[in-house]
Protein backbone atom coordinates (compact mmCIF):
# COMPACT_ATOMS: atom_id res chain seq x y z
CA MET A 1 -12.57 9.55 13.00
CA GLY A 2 -9.58 11.74 13.78
CA VAL A 3 -5.93 11.43 12.93
CA LYS A 4 -4.21 9.46 15.69
CA SER A 5 -0.63 8.65 14.69
CA VAL A 6 2.23 9.30 12.27
CA GLY A 7 2.23 7.01 9.24
CA GLU A 8 -1.55 6.68 8.85
CA LYS A 9 -2.77 6.88 5.25
CA TYR A 10 -5.97 8.55 4.09
CA ARG A 11 -7.70 8.69 0.67
CA CYS A 12 -10.37 10.96 -0.79
CA GLU A 13 -13.29 8.91 -2.10
CA LYS A 14 -14.09 11.54 -4.77
CA CYS A 15 -10.75 12.44 -6.39
CA GLY A 16 -8.37 9.74 -5.13
CA ASN A 17 -5.98 12.18 -3.41
CA GLU A 18 -3.87 10.34 -0.80
CA VAL A 19 -2.23 11.68 2.37
CA VAL A 20 0.36 10.14 4.72
CA VAL A 21 0.43 11.70 8.20
CA THR A 22 3.82 13.15 9.17
CA ARG A 23 2.66 14.97 12.31
CA ALA A 24 -0.44 13.87 14.24
CA GLY A 25 -2.44 16.74 15.66
CA GLY A 26 -5.91 15.24 15.93
CA GLY A 27 -8.84 16.50 13.92
CA THR A 28 -10.00 15.12 10.60
CA LEU A 29 -8.64 15.43 7.08
CA VAL A 30 -11.03 16.90 4.50
CA CYS A 31 -10.83 16.84 0.69
CA CYS A 32 -13.52 17.73 -1.89
CA GLY A 33 -15.77 18.82 1.00
CA GLU A 34 -15.83 15.37 2.64
CA ASP A 35 -13.83 13.61 5.36
CA MET A 36 -11.04 11.46 3.94
CA LYS A 37 -11.19 7.71 4.62
CA LYS A 38 -8.38 5.86 6.40
CA VAL A 39 -6.60 3.31 4.19
CA GLU A 40 -5.59 0.04 5.87
CA GLY A 41 -2.11 -1.33 5.28
């Protein structure tokens, strides 16, 4: 799943790091060697 729009939130399942997208450029976000999971809400 790639980043699609500004404002999306993602979380690392291993360390809990969270990211809010400020500029959507596609691709995937990676932390601790794994793709980050999109957080709903």
